[in-house]
Amino acid sequence: MADWYDHIDAERRQFIENQHVFFVATASSKPGGTVNLSPKGRNLLRVLGPNLVGYLDYPGSGNETAKHTAADGRVTLMFCSFDKTAGIVRLYGRGRAVEVDDPLVRQHHEAFGDDLHPFVRQAFFIDVEKVQTSCGYAVPRMEYVDDRETLDKWCERTTEPREFINGLPVGGELVRKA
């Protein structure tokens, strides 16, 4: 059976921080619109408070999460354990994409530390309204090996790095290399 909470407690926070991958689900508010489910990794998510999480977003094949959250904000994050201890945590809330020079990013700059990289496209902040846990018994066990280096190499090859002033990123669109 699932258990419900109104905030991220210490046990759930530890579970979230122990996972190497999480999934972000959003949906179009238009009739017949799509549901988008994006895997994320690289330890870019931070629990910033009992009802606030943030994660850094790199360029990719699309930006549907930003489009969907701009329309109505609904977002679900799912964390599932692939190691010996089974478990799933889902965070339900309202999210928003912000530029890297947004006051929220500046406020939480220390939490992101060196992960606030010149190729970060934007940051997402989710106001968590509900937390659900479930058993995760059907999730297979897998072994974490390492993060892929492919995204960094692709960014270096195709994108101009973002400028930083006094250790903080300058906002605006990332520029593609000619």
N, C-alpha and C. Protein backbone atom coordinates (compact mmCIF):
# COMPACT_ATOMS: atom_id res chain seq x y z
N MET A 1 0.83 -1.19 0.00
CA MET A 1 0.00 0.00 0.00
C MET A 1 0.87 1.25 0.00
N ALA A 2 0.36 2.27 -0.64
CA ALA A 2 1.07 3.55 -0.68
C ALA A 2 0.83 4.33 0.61
N ASP A 3 1.83 5.08 1.00
CA ASP A 3 1.70 6.01 2.11
C ASP A 3 1.85 7.42 1.56
N TRP A 4 1.11 8.36 2.16
CA TRP A 4 1.09 9.74 1.70
C TRP A 4 1.61 10.66 2.79
N TYR A 5 2.33 11.70 2.38
CA TYR A 5 2.87 12.70 3.29
C TYR A 5 2.63 14.08 2.68
N ASP A 6 2.66 15.11 3.51
CA ASP A 6 2.46 16.46 2.99
C ASP A 6 3.79 17.21 2.83
N HIS A 7 4.90 16.52 3.08
CA HIS A 7 6.22 17.13 2.92
C HIS A 7 7.27 16.03 2.79
N ILE A 8 8.48 16.43 2.45
CA ILE A 8 9.61 15.50 2.35
C ILE A 8 10.27 15.44 3.72
N ASP A 9 10.14 14.30 4.38
CA ASP A 9 10.77 14.14 5.69
C ASP A 9 12.20 13.62 5.50
N ALA A 10 12.92 13.45 6.59
CA ALA A 10 14.33 13.05 6.54
C ALA A 10 14.53 11.70 5.85
N GLU A 11 13.64 10.75 6.11
CA GLU A 11 13.77 9.42 5.50
C GLU A 11 13.58 9.49 3.99
N ARG A 12 12.57 10.21 3.54
CA ARG A 12 12.33 10.35 2.10
C ARG A 12 13.46 11.14 1.44
N ARG A 13 13.94 12.15 2.12
CA ARG A 13 15.04 12.95 1.57
C ARG A 13 16.27 12.07 1.35
N GLN A 14 16.60 11.25 2.33
CA GLN A 14 17.76 10.36 2.18
C GLN A 14 17.56 9.40 1.01
N PHE A 15 16.35 8.85 0.88
CA PHE A 15 16.05 7.95 -0.24
C PHE A 15 16.27 8.68 -1.57
N ILE A 16 15.72 9.88 -1.69
CA ILE A 16 15.86 10.67 -2.92
C ILE A 16 17.33 10.93 -3.23
N GLU A 17 18.08 11.34 -2.24
CA GLU A 17 19.50 11.67 -2.44
C GLU A 17 20.35 10.45 -2.77
N ASN A 18 19.88 9.25 -2.44
CA ASN A 18 20.63 8.03 -2.73
C ASN A 18 20.43 7.53 -4.16
N GLN A 19 19.47 8.06 -4.90
CA GLN A 19 19.17 7.54 -6.23
C GLN A 19 20.05 8.22 -7.28
N HIS A 20 20.45 7.45 -8.29
CA HIS A 20 21.28 7.98 -9.37
C HIS A 20 20.46 8.49 -10.55
N VAL A 21 19.18 8.18 -10.56
CA VAL A 21 18.31 8.60 -11.66
C VAL A 21 16.94 8.93 -11.08
N PHE A 22 16.27 9.89 -11.73
CA PHE A 22 14.88 10.18 -11.38
C PHE A 22 14.14 10.50 -12.67
N PHE A 23 12.83 10.51 -12.60
CA PHE A 23 12.00 10.73 -13.77
C PHE A 23 11.07 11.90 -13.52
N VAL A 24 10.90 12.74 -14.55
CA VAL A 24 10.05 13.92 -14.47
C VAL A 24 8.90 13.73 -15.45
N ALA A 25 7.67 13.78 -14.94
CA ALA A 25 6.48 13.63 -15.79
C ALA A 25 5.67 14.92 -15.78
N THR A 26 5.30 15.36 -16.98
CA THR A 26 4.43 16.53 -17.15
C THR A 26 3.44 16.19 -18.25
N ALA A 27 2.38 16.99 -18.34
CA ALA A 27 1.37 16.74 -19.37
C ALA A 27 0.95 18.05 -20.00
N SER A 28 0.66 17.97 -21.29
CA SER A 28 0.12 19.11 -22.00
C SER A 28 -1.28 19.40 -21.48
N SER A 29 -1.62 20.67 -21.38
CA SER A 29 -2.96 21.04 -20.93
C SER A 29 -3.94 21.11 -22.10
N LYS A 30 -3.45 20.89 -23.31
CA LYS A 30 -4.31 20.94 -24.50
C LYS A 30 -5.02 19.60 -24.70
N PRO A 31 -6.26 19.63 -25.19
CA PRO A 31 -6.95 18.37 -25.51
C PRO A 31 -6.13 17.57 -26.52
N GLY A 32 -5.95 16.30 -26.24
CA GLY A 32 -5.17 15.44 -27.13
C GLY A 32 -3.67 15.65 -27.01
N GLY A 33 -3.25 16.46 -26.04
CA GLY A 33 -1.83 16.73 -25.85
C GLY A 33 -1.10 15.53 -25.29
N THR A 34 0.19 15.60 -25.31
CA THR A 34 1.02 14.47 -24.89
C THR A 34 1.39 14.55 -23.41
N VAL A 35 1.78 13.40 -22.89
CA VAL A 35 2.41 13.30 -21.58
C VAL A 35 3.90 13.13 -21.85
N ASN A 36 4.72 13.87 -21.15
CA ASN A 36 6.16 13.77 -21.34
C ASN A 36 6.77 13.14 -20.09
N LEU A 37 7.66 12.19 -20.30
CA LEU A 37 8.36 11.54 -19.20
C LEU A 37 9.85 11.57 -19.51
N SER A 38 10.61 12.30 -18.72
CA SER A 38 12.04 12.49 -18.97
C SER A 38 12.88 11.87 -17.87
N PRO A 39 13.85 11.04 -18.24
CA PRO A 39 14.80 10.55 -17.24
C PRO A 39 15.85 11.62 -16.97
N LYS A 40 16.28 11.71 -15.74
CA LYS A 40 17.33 12.67 -15.35
C LYS A 40 18.32 11.95 -14.46
N GLY A 41 19.55 12.38 -14.50
CA GLY A 41 20.58 11.78 -13.67
C GLY A 41 21.62 12.80 -13.28
N ARG A 42 22.84 12.37 -13.14
CA ARG A 42 23.99 13.22 -12.90
C ARG A 42 23.95 13.95 -11.56
N ASN A 43 23.12 13.54 -10.64
CA ASN A 43 23.08 14.15 -9.31
C ASN A 43 22.82 15.65 -9.36
N LEU A 44 21.88 16.06 -10.21
CA LEU A 44 21.59 17.48 -10.39
C LEU A 44 20.39 17.97 -9.59
N LEU A 45 19.72 17.09 -8.84
CA LEU A 45 18.56 17.48 -8.06
C LEU A 45 18.96 17.73 -6.61
N ARG A 46 18.35 18.74 -6.02
CA ARG A 46 18.58 19.04 -4.61
C ARG A 46 17.24 19.17 -3.90
N VAL A 47 17.16 18.57 -2.71
CA VAL A 47 16.02 18.83 -1.83
C VAL A 47 16.39 20.10 -1.08
N LEU A 48 15.64 21.16 -1.33
CA LEU A 48 15.97 22.49 -0.80
C LEU A 48 15.15 22.86 0.43
N GLY A 49 14.16 22.04 0.74
CA GLY A 49 13.32 22.27 1.91
C GLY A 49 12.28 21.18 1.97
N PRO A 50 11.44 21.16 2.99
CA PRO A 50 10.45 20.09 3.12
C PRO A 50 9.41 20.09 2.01
N ASN A 51 9.25 21.20 1.30
CA ASN A 51 8.28 21.27 0.21
C ASN A 51 8.86 21.92 -1.04
N LEU A 52 10.19 21.86 -1.19
CA LEU A 52 10.83 22.46 -2.36
C LEU A 52 11.99 21.61 -2.83
N VAL A 53 11.99 21.29 -4.12
CA VAL A 53 13.14 20.66 -4.76
C VAL A 53 13.49 21.48 -5.99
N GLY A 54 14.74 21.38 -6.38
CA GLY A 54 15.20 22.05 -7.59
C GLY A 54 16.16 21.14 -8.32
N TYR A 55 16.18 21.26 -9.64
CA TYR A 55 17.19 20.53 -10.40
C TYR A 55 17.66 21.35 -11.58
N LEU A 56 18.90 21.09 -11.96
CA LEU A 56 19.53 21.76 -13.09
C LEU A 56 19.27 20.95 -14.34
N ASP A 57 19.00 21.63 -15.43
CA ASP A 57 18.61 20.98 -16.67
C ASP A 57 19.59 21.34 -17.78
N TYR A 58 20.11 20.32 -18.42
CA TYR A 58 21.02 20.49 -19.55
C TYR A 58 20.24 20.51 -20.85
N PRO A 59 20.86 21.00 -21.93
CA PRO A 59 20.19 20.93 -23.24
C PRO A 59 19.94 19.47 -23.61
N GLY A 60 18.93 19.27 -24.42
CA GLY A 60 18.60 17.92 -24.88
C GLY A 60 17.83 17.98 -26.17
N SER A 61 17.11 16.94 -26.44
CA SER A 61 16.39 16.84 -27.70
C SER A 61 15.15 17.72 -27.75
N GLY A 62 14.67 18.14 -26.63
CA GLY A 62 13.47 18.98 -26.59
C GLY A 62 13.42 19.72 -25.27
N ASN A 63 12.33 20.40 -25.06
CA ASN A 63 12.18 21.15 -23.81
C ASN A 63 10.71 21.11 -23.39
N GLU A 64 10.09 19.93 -23.52
CA GLU A 64 8.66 19.81 -23.22
C GLU A 64 8.34 20.06 -21.76
N THR A 65 9.24 19.70 -20.86
CA THR A 65 8.97 19.93 -19.44
C THR A 65 8.75 21.42 -19.19
N ALA A 66 9.58 22.27 -19.78
CA ALA A 66 9.42 23.72 -19.60
C ALA A 66 8.12 24.20 -20.22
N LYS A 67 7.78 23.68 -21.40
CA LYS A 67 6.53 24.09 -22.05
C LYS A 67 5.32 23.68 -21.22
N HIS A 68 5.32 22.45 -20.74
CA HIS A 68 4.18 21.96 -19.96
C HIS A 68 4.04 22.69 -18.63
N THR A 69 5.16 22.89 -17.93
CA THR A 69 5.05 23.56 -16.63
C THR A 69 4.67 25.03 -16.79
N ALA A 70 5.05 25.65 -17.91
CA ALA A 70 4.64 27.03 -18.15
C ALA A 70 3.13 27.11 -18.35
N ALA A 71 2.54 26.05 -18.92
CA ALA A 71 1.10 26.06 -19.21
C ALA A 71 0.26 25.88 -17.94
N ASP A 72 0.61 24.89 -17.11
CA ASP A 72 -0.21 24.70 -15.90
C ASP A 72 0.57 24.27 -14.67
N GLY A 73 1.85 24.01 -14.81
CA GLY A 73 2.69 23.77 -13.65
C GLY A 73 2.71 22.37 -13.07
N ARG A 74 1.74 21.52 -13.44
CA ARG A 74 1.69 20.19 -12.82
C ARG A 74 2.92 19.37 -13.19
N VAL A 75 3.49 18.72 -12.20
CA VAL A 75 4.67 17.89 -12.43
C VAL A 75 4.72 16.80 -11.36
N THR A 76 5.21 15.63 -11.78
CA THR A 76 5.47 14.53 -10.86
C THR A 76 6.91 14.08 -11.05
N LEU A 77 7.63 13.94 -9.95
CA LEU A 77 8.97 13.38 -9.98
C LEU A 77 8.90 12.00 -9.34
N MET A 78 9.58 11.03 -9.96
CA MET A 78 9.60 9.68 -9.40
C MET A 78 11.05 9.23 -9.21
N PHE A 79 11.30 8.69 -8.04
CA PHE A 79 12.60 8.12 -7.69
C PHE A 79 12.36 6.66 -7.34
N CYS A 80 13.09 5.75 -7.97
CA CYS A 80 12.94 4.34 -7.61
C CYS A 80 14.31 3.73 -7.39
N SER A 81 14.37 2.87 -6.42
CA SER A 81 15.62 2.22 -6.07
C SER A 81 15.83 1.01 -6.97
N PHE A 82 17.03 0.92 -7.53
CA PHE A 82 17.40 -0.23 -8.34
C PHE A 82 18.38 -1.14 -7.60
N ASP A 83 18.70 -0.79 -6.35
CA ASP A 83 19.64 -1.62 -5.60
C ASP A 83 18.90 -2.62 -4.70
N LYS A 84 19.56 -3.11 -3.68
CA LYS A 84 19.01 -4.18 -2.85
C LYS A 84 17.73 -3.78 -2.11
N THR A 85 17.63 -2.52 -1.71
CA THR A 85 16.47 -2.06 -0.95
C THR A 85 15.42 -1.51 -1.91
N ALA A 86 14.28 -2.17 -2.00
CA ALA A 86 13.21 -1.73 -2.91
C ALA A 86 12.52 -0.50 -2.35
N GLY A 87 12.01 0.33 -3.25
CA GLY A 87 11.23 1.49 -2.82
C GLY A 87 11.01 2.47 -3.95
N ILE A 88 9.93 3.22 -3.87
CA ILE A 88 9.60 4.28 -4.82
C ILE A 88 9.11 5.48 -4.02
N VAL A 89 9.55 6.66 -4.42
CA VAL A 89 9.04 7.92 -3.88
C VAL A 89 8.59 8.78 -5.05
N ARG A 90 7.37 9.29 -4.95
CA ARG A 90 6.86 10.23 -5.95
C ARG A 90 6.60 11.57 -5.27
N LEU A 91 6.99 12.63 -5.95
CA LEU A 91 6.72 13.99 -5.49
C LEU A 91 5.73 14.62 -6.46
N TYR A 92 4.60 15.07 -5.95
CA TYR A 92 3.58 15.73 -6.77
C TYR A 92 3.58 17.21 -6.43
N GLY A 93 3.57 18.04 -7.45
CA GLY A 93 3.56 19.46 -7.15
C GLY A 93 3.42 20.33 -8.37
N ARG A 94 3.83 21.56 -8.21
CA ARG A 94 3.78 22.58 -9.26
C ARG A 94 5.21 23.02 -9.52
N GLY A 95 5.58 22.99 -10.79
CA GLY A 95 6.95 23.33 -11.15
C GLY A 95 7.02 24.53 -12.07
N ARG A 96 8.21 25.06 -12.15
CA ARG A 96 8.46 26.16 -13.07
C ARG A 96 9.92 26.11 -13.50
N ALA A 97 10.13 26.47 -14.76
CA ALA A 97 11.48 26.60 -15.30
C ALA A 97 11.92 28.04 -15.13
N VAL A 98 13.16 28.23 -14.72
CA VAL A 98 13.70 29.58 -14.56
C VAL A 98 15.06 29.66 -15.23
N GLU A 99 15.42 30.86 -15.65
CA GLU A 99 16.75 31.12 -16.20
C GLU A 99 17.79 30.89 -15.11
N VAL A 100 19.01 30.61 -15.53
CA VAL A 100 20.06 30.32 -14.54
C VAL A 100 20.46 31.54 -13.71
N ASP A 101 20.08 32.74 -14.15
CA ASP A 101 20.39 33.92 -13.34
C ASP A 101 19.18 34.39 -12.54
N ASP A 102 18.15 33.55 -12.43
CA ASP A 102 16.95 33.85 -11.66
C ASP A 102 17.30 33.96 -10.17
N PRO A 103 16.59 34.81 -9.43
CA PRO A 103 16.85 34.92 -7.99
C PRO A 103 16.78 33.59 -7.23
N LEU A 104 15.90 32.67 -7.66
CA LEU A 104 15.84 31.36 -6.97
C LEU A 104 17.14 30.58 -7.13
N VAL A 105 17.73 30.64 -8.32
CA VAL A 105 19.01 29.95 -8.54
C VAL A 105 20.09 30.61 -7.69
N ARG A 106 20.09 31.92 -7.69
CA ARG A 106 21.08 32.65 -6.88
C ARG A 106 20.90 32.32 -5.38
N GLN A 107 19.66 32.25 -4.94
CA GLN A 107 19.37 31.94 -3.54
C GLN A 107 19.91 30.56 -3.14
N HIS A 108 19.83 29.61 -4.07
CA HIS A 108 20.24 28.23 -3.77
C HIS A 108 21.56 27.86 -4.44
N HIS A 109 22.34 28.86 -4.84
CA HIS A 109 23.60 28.64 -5.54
C HIS A 109 24.51 27.68 -4.78
N GLU A 110 24.64 27.86 -3.49
CA GLU A 110 25.53 27.00 -2.70
C GLU A 110 25.07 25.55 -2.70
N ALA A 111 23.76 25.31 -2.72
CA ALA A 111 23.25 23.93 -2.73
C ALA A 111 23.65 23.22 -4.02
N PHE A 112 23.67 23.95 -5.13
CA PHE A 112 24.04 23.34 -6.42
C PHE A 112 25.55 23.26 -6.60
N GLY A 113 26.28 24.17 -5.99
CA GLY A 113 27.74 24.14 -6.03
C GLY A 113 28.30 24.06 -7.43
N ASP A 114 29.29 23.19 -7.61
CA ASP A 114 29.98 23.06 -8.89
C ASP A 114 29.11 22.46 -9.99
N ASP A 115 27.95 21.91 -9.62
CA ASP A 115 27.06 21.36 -10.65
C ASP A 115 26.38 22.46 -11.47
N LEU A 116 26.45 23.70 -11.01
CA LEU A 116 25.93 24.83 -11.78
C LEU A 116 26.98 25.14 -12.84
N HIS A 117 26.92 24.39 -13.92
CA HIS A 117 27.92 24.29 -14.96
C HIS A 117 27.61 25.26 -16.11
N PRO A 118 28.60 25.69 -16.89
CA PRO A 118 28.34 26.61 -18.00
C PRO A 118 27.37 26.10 -19.06
N PHE A 119 27.10 24.82 -19.10
CA PHE A 119 26.17 24.29 -20.10
C PHE A 119 24.77 24.03 -19.55
N VAL A 120 24.49 24.41 -18.32
CA VAL A 120 23.14 24.26 -17.78
C VAL A 120 22.21 25.18 -18.55
N ARG A 121 21.12 24.61 -19.08
CA ARG A 121 20.16 25.36 -19.88
C ARG A 121 19.24 26.20 -19.02
N GLN A 122 18.74 25.61 -17.93
CA GLN A 122 17.77 26.26 -17.06
C GLN A 122 17.70 25.46 -15.76
N ALA A 123 16.97 25.97 -14.81
CA ALA A 123 16.73 25.24 -13.57
C ALA A 123 15.22 25.08 -13.40
N PHE A 124 14.83 23.99 -12.79
CA PHE A 124 13.43 23.76 -12.45
C PHE A 124 13.30 23.75 -10.93
N PHE A 125 12.26 24.39 -10.45
CA PHE A 125 11.92 24.36 -9.03
C PHE A 125 10.51 23.83 -8.91
N ILE A 126 10.32 22.88 -8.00
CA ILE A 126 9.02 22.25 -7.80
C ILE A 126 8.58 22.49 -6.36
N ASP A 127 7.41 23.11 -6.22
CA ASP A 127 6.77 23.24 -4.92
C ASP A 127 6.01 21.94 -4.68
N VAL A 128 6.49 21.15 -3.74
CA VAL A 128 5.94 19.82 -3.49
C VAL A 128 4.68 19.93 -2.64
N GLU A 129 3.58 19.38 -3.16
CA GLU A 129 2.29 19.40 -2.47
C GLU A 129 1.99 18.08 -1.77
N LYS A 130 2.43 16.97 -2.40
CA LYS A 130 2.19 15.63 -1.84
C LYS A 130 3.40 14.75 -2.11
N VAL A 131 3.65 13.84 -1.19
CA VAL A 131 4.71 12.85 -1.32
C VAL A 131 4.07 11.48 -1.15
N GLN A 132 4.39 10.56 -2.06
CA GLN A 132 3.84 9.21 -1.98
C GLN A 132 5.00 8.22 -1.97
N THR A 133 4.89 7.22 -1.12
CA THR A 133 5.86 6.12 -1.14
C THR A 133 5.12 4.84 -1.51
N SER A 134 5.83 3.95 -2.18
CA SER A 134 5.28 2.62 -2.47
C SER A 134 6.43 1.62 -2.46
N CYS A 135 6.07 0.34 -2.54
CA CYS A 135 7.03 -0.73 -2.26
C CYS A 135 8.15 -0.86 -3.30
N GLY A 136 7.84 -0.75 -4.57
CA GLY A 136 8.86 -0.92 -5.59
C GLY A 136 9.32 -2.35 -5.80
N TYR A 137 8.53 -3.30 -5.34
CA TYR A 137 8.94 -4.71 -5.45
C TYR A 137 9.06 -5.19 -6.89
N ALA A 138 8.36 -4.56 -7.83
CA ALA A 138 8.41 -4.99 -9.23
C ALA A 138 9.57 -4.34 -9.99
N VAL A 139 10.27 -3.41 -9.37
CA VAL A 139 11.40 -2.74 -10.03
C VAL A 139 12.60 -3.67 -9.98
N PRO A 140 13.23 -3.95 -11.13
CA PRO A 140 14.37 -4.88 -11.13
C PRO A 140 15.59 -4.28 -10.43
N ARG A 141 16.44 -5.16 -9.95
CA ARG A 141 17.71 -4.72 -9.38
C ARG A 141 18.71 -4.51 -10.50
N MET A 142 19.42 -3.41 -10.43
CA MET A 142 20.46 -3.11 -11.41
C MET A 142 21.62 -2.47 -10.68
N GLU A 143 22.78 -2.55 -11.28
CA GLU A 143 23.97 -1.98 -10.67
C GLU A 143 24.34 -0.68 -11.37
N TYR A 144 24.54 0.37 -10.58
CA TYR A 144 25.01 1.65 -11.11
C TYR A 144 26.48 1.52 -11.47
N VAL A 145 26.84 1.94 -12.67
CA VAL A 145 28.23 1.87 -13.11
C VAL A 145 28.87 3.26 -13.07
N ASP A 146 28.27 4.21 -13.80
CA ASP A 146 28.84 5.55 -13.87
C ASP A 146 27.89 6.44 -14.66
N ASP A 147 28.08 7.76 -14.56
CA ASP A 147 27.35 8.69 -15.41
C ASP A 147 27.98 8.68 -16.79
N ARG A 148 27.17 8.93 -17.80
CA ARG A 148 27.68 9.02 -19.16
C ARG A 148 28.40 10.36 -19.34
N GLU A 149 29.45 10.36 -20.15
CA GLU A 149 30.16 11.59 -20.48
C GLU A 149 29.65 12.20 -21.78
N THR A 150 28.74 11.52 -22.45
CA THR A 150 28.27 11.92 -23.77
C THR A 150 27.67 13.32 -23.79
N LEU A 151 26.86 13.67 -22.81
CA LEU A 151 26.20 14.97 -22.80
C LEU A 151 27.23 16.10 -22.69
N ASP A 152 28.21 15.96 -21.81
CA ASP A 152 29.25 16.98 -21.69
C ASP A 152 29.99 17.15 -23.01
N LYS A 153 30.35 16.05 -23.64
CA LYS A 153 31.08 16.11 -24.91
C LYS A 153 30.23 16.75 -26.00
N TRP A 154 28.94 16.41 -26.04
CA TRP A 154 28.04 17.00 -27.03
C TRP A 154 27.93 18.51 -26.80
N CYS A 155 27.76 18.92 -25.54
CA CYS A 155 27.68 20.36 -25.23
C CYS A 155 28.95 21.08 -25.63
N GLU A 156 30.10 20.51 -25.32
CA GLU A 156 31.38 21.15 -25.67
C GLU A 156 31.53 21.30 -27.18
N ARG A 157 31.01 20.34 -27.92
CA ARG A 157 31.13 20.34 -29.38
C ARG A 157 30.13 21.29 -30.04
N THR A 158 28.95 21.46 -29.45
CA THR A 158 27.87 22.16 -30.15
C THR A 158 27.43 23.48 -29.53
N THR A 159 27.84 23.78 -28.31
CA THR A 159 27.27 24.90 -27.58
C THR A 159 28.37 25.77 -26.97
N GLU A 160 28.19 27.08 -27.05
CA GLU A 160 29.10 28.01 -26.38
C GLU A 160 28.81 27.96 -24.88
N PRO A 161 29.84 27.85 -24.05
CA PRO A 161 29.58 27.82 -22.61
C PRO A 161 29.01 29.15 -22.12
N ARG A 162 28.18 29.07 -21.12
CA ARG A 162 27.57 30.24 -20.51
C ARG A 162 28.65 31.02 -19.74
N GLU A 163 28.56 32.33 -19.79
CA GLU A 163 29.49 33.18 -19.06
C GLU A 163 29.12 33.21 -17.57
N PHE A 164 30.12 33.27 -16.72
CA PHE A 164 29.92 33.40 -15.28
C PHE A 164 30.57 34.70 -14.80
N ILE A 165 29.90 35.40 -13.92
CA ILE A 165 30.45 36.60 -13.31
C ILE A 165 30.36 36.42 -11.80
N ASN A 166 31.50 36.56 -11.13
CA ASN A 166 31.56 36.37 -9.67
C ASN A 166 30.99 35.02 -9.24
N GLY A 167 31.24 33.99 -10.03
CA GLY A 167 30.81 32.64 -9.68
C GLY A 167 29.36 32.33 -9.96
N LEU A 168 28.62 33.29 -10.54
CA LEU A 168 27.20 33.08 -10.85
C LEU A 168 26.99 33.17 -12.36
N PRO A 169 26.11 32.32 -12.90
CA PRO A 169 25.90 32.30 -14.34
C PRO A 169 25.14 33.52 -14.85
N VAL A 170 25.47 33.91 -16.07
CA VAL A 170 24.74 34.97 -16.76
C VAL A 170 23.61 34.31 -17.53
N GLY A 171 22.42 34.86 -17.46
CA GLY A 171 21.24 34.26 -18.08
C GLY A 171 21.21 34.42 -19.59
N GLY A 172 20.10 34.01 -20.18
CA GLY A 172 19.92 34.05 -21.62
C GLY A 172 20.02 32.68 -22.23
N GLU A 173 19.66 32.61 -23.49
CA GLU A 173 19.71 31.34 -24.22
C GLU A 173 21.15 30.87 -24.40
N LEU A 174 21.34 29.56 -24.35
CA LEU A 174 22.63 29.01 -24.73
C LEU A 174 22.78 29.19 -26.24
N VAL A 175 23.99 29.49 -26.69
CA VAL A 175 24.24 29.77 -28.10
C VAL A 175 24.88 28.56 -28.75
N ARG A 176 24.30 28.12 -29.87
CA ARG A 176 24.87 27.01 -30.63
C ARG A 176 26.13 27.47 -31.34
N LYS A 177 27.15 26.61 -31.39
CA LYS A 177 28.36 26.92 -32.14
C LYS A 177 28.05 26.86 -33.63
N ALA A 178 28.75 27.69 -34.38
CA ALA A 178 28.54 27.73 -35.84
C ALA A 178 29.16 26.53 -36.51
